[in-house]
Amino acid sequence: MAKSGTVIGWLLAEDDRAKLLQRFQPRYEKTVAHHVTLRTDAANDPLPPQVKAEIVGRTDDENGVEAMVVTIDGTTDRPDGSTYHITWSLGPGRRARESNDVLKERGWKELDHPIPVRLEPGRF
């Protein structure tokens, strides 16, 4: 797991988070809905720029990992080959980084309509 402060990406704006959590009730007991990762091991990297972001899909492994797929400036493809996402909720013993595996193994289902979200550059 990456140390705190070594991950860069974008934080989900609090008011958007609250609205989205009402619209997409977390399926599992631990609500995350916090950020979109750009890069890990990035303690010395500058923060990323402002971006246009939309939630475009969802994945759920039916066993404790739920995530929302996000476009960043029109793409879901993260530079490391994974998919931009927000880990939405987790069941007991599950970890946020497992969202990457679920997306790779199971893919994701596109939403009927993209949902614009405000993201702020951050380090976490």
Protein backbone atom coordinates (compact mmCIF):
# COMPACT_ATOMS: atom_id res chain seq x y z
CA MET A 1 0.00 0.00 0.00
CA ALA A 2 1.23 3.49 -0.82
CA LYS A 3 2.17 5.69 2.11
CA SER A 4 -0.04 8.67 2.91
CA GLY A 5 1.09 11.68 0.89
CA THR A 6 2.62 9.61 -1.92
CA VAL A 7 -0.50 9.33 -4.09
CA ILE A 8 -1.57 12.14 -6.40
CA GLY A 9 -4.86 12.56 -8.19
CA TRP A 10 -8.11 14.37 -7.62
CA LEU A 11 -10.38 14.64 -4.58
CA LEU A 12 -14.13 14.43 -5.10
CA ALA A 13 -15.77 17.75 -4.13
CA GLU A 14 -17.71 17.31 -0.87
CA ASP A 15 -21.06 18.62 -2.17
CA ASP A 16 -20.84 16.38 -5.26
CA ARG A 17 -19.92 13.47 -3.00
CA ALA A 18 -23.00 14.01 -0.83
CA LYS A 19 -25.33 14.16 -3.87
CA LEU A 20 -23.75 11.10 -5.46
CA LEU A 21 -23.98 9.06 -2.26
CA GLN A 22 -27.72 9.75 -2.20
CA ARG A 23 -28.07 8.76 -5.84
CA PHE A 24 -25.79 5.70 -5.66
CA GLN A 25 -26.24 4.23 -2.20
CA PRO A 26 -23.06 2.35 -1.22
CA ARG A 27 -23.63 -1.39 -1.47
CA TYR A 28 -21.07 -2.37 1.18
CA GLU A 29 -20.57 -1.24 4.77
CA LYS A 30 -17.48 0.94 4.34
CA THR A 31 -18.17 4.02 2.22
CA VAL A 32 -15.08 5.41 0.47
CA ALA A 33 -16.14 7.76 -2.38
CA HIS A 34 -13.08 9.95 -1.86
CA HIS A 35 -10.72 10.36 -4.83
CA VAL A 36 -9.46 9.38 -8.27
CA THR A 37 -5.84 8.19 -8.33
CA LEU A 38 -3.49 9.43 -11.03
CA ARG A 39 -0.23 7.96 -9.71
CA THR A 40 1.18 6.20 -6.64
CA ASP A 41 4.77 6.57 -5.42
CA ALA A 42 4.47 10.24 -6.36
CA ALA A 43 5.71 12.00 -3.20
CA ASN A 44 7.98 14.26 -5.26
CA ASP A 45 5.65 14.78 -8.22
CA PRO A 46 3.68 18.01 -8.68
CA LEU A 47 -0.08 17.94 -8.26
CA PRO A 48 -2.00 17.19 -11.45
CA PRO A 49 -3.87 19.98 -13.27
CA GLN A 50 -7.57 20.79 -13.04
CA VAL A 51 -9.60 18.42 -15.22
CA LYS A 52 -13.05 17.86 -16.65
CA ALA A 53 -14.47 14.71 -15.05
CA GLU A 54 -17.59 12.59 -15.41
CA ILE A 55 -18.79 9.37 -13.82
CA VAL A 56 -19.53 7.09 -16.76
CA GLY A 57 -19.83 3.59 -15.31
CA ARG A 58 -19.84 1.23 -12.38
CA THR A 59 -18.36 -2.10 -11.36
CA ASP A 60 -19.12 -4.45 -8.48
CA ASP A 61 -17.51 -7.83 -7.87
CA GLU A 62 -20.57 -8.92 -5.82
CA ASN A 63 -18.14 -9.74 -3.02
CA GLY A 64 -17.22 -6.45 -1.36
CA VAL A 65 -15.72 -4.08 -3.93
CA GLU A 66 -17.79 -1.40 -5.65
CA ALA A 67 -16.33 1.39 -7.81
CA MET A 68 -17.47 4.17 -10.13
CA VAL A 69 -15.60 4.60 -13.43
CA VAL A 70 -14.58 8.17 -14.23
CA THR A 71 -13.44 9.95 -17.37
CA ILE A 72 -10.64 12.48 -16.92
CA ASP A 73 -10.58 14.94 -19.81
CA GLY A 74 -12.50 12.43 -21.93
CA THR A 75 -10.63 9.19 -21.20
CA THR A 76 -11.03 6.37 -18.69
CA ASP A 77 -7.47 5.15 -19.37
CA ARG A 78 -4.98 5.91 -16.61
CA PRO A 79 -1.35 6.34 -17.76
CA ASP A 80 -0.34 3.13 -15.93
CA GLY A 81 -2.78 1.08 -18.03
CA SER A 82 -5.53 0.84 -15.42
CA THR A 83 -8.92 2.60 -15.39
CA TYR A 84 -9.72 5.91 -13.70
CA HIS A 85 -12.23 5.22 -10.93
CA ILE A 86 -13.52 6.15 -7.50
CA THR A 87 -13.68 3.25 -5.06
CA TRP A 88 -17.25 3.62 -3.83
CA SER A 89 -17.67 1.08 -1.05
CA LEU A 90 -15.92 -1.92 0.50
CA GLY A 91 -16.96 -4.98 2.42
CA PRO A 92 -15.09 -6.44 5.41
CA GLY A 93 -11.45 -7.21 4.72
CA ARG A 94 -11.47 -5.57 1.28
CA ARG A 95 -9.08 -2.76 0.29
CA ALA A 96 -9.53 0.18 -2.07
CA ARG A 97 -6.64 -0.88 -4.30
CA GLU A 98 -8.64 -4.03 -5.17
CA SER A 99 -10.87 -1.85 -7.37
CA ASN A 100 -8.08 -1.97 -9.99
CA ASP A 101 -8.22 -5.78 -10.05
CA VAL A 102 -12.02 -5.87 -10.24
CA LEU A 103 -12.02 -3.45 -13.18
CA LYS A 104 -9.35 -5.47 -14.97
CA GLU A 105 -11.04 -8.83 -14.36
CA ARG A 106 -14.72 -7.92 -14.66
CA GLY A 107 -14.80 -4.68 -16.62
CA TRP A 108 -17.58 -2.19 -15.97
CA LYS A 109 -21.11 -1.29 -17.00
CA GLU A 110 -21.70 2.06 -18.67
CA LEU A 111 -24.26 4.41 -17.08
CA ASP A 112 -27.18 5.64 -19.20
CA HIS A 113 -25.88 9.22 -18.95
CA PRO A 114 -22.49 10.59 -17.82
CA ILE A 115 -22.60 12.54 -14.55
CA PRO A 116 -20.30 15.58 -14.35
CA VAL A 117 -18.31 15.77 -11.11
CA ARG A 118 -15.96 18.34 -9.66
CA LEU A 119 -12.54 17.07 -8.74
CA GLU A 120 -9.75 19.03 -7.03
CA PRO A 121 -6.05 18.19 -7.48
CA GLY A 122 -4.69 16.61 -4.32
CA ARG A 123 -2.10 14.50 -2.56
CA PHE A 124 -3.25 11.81 -0.15
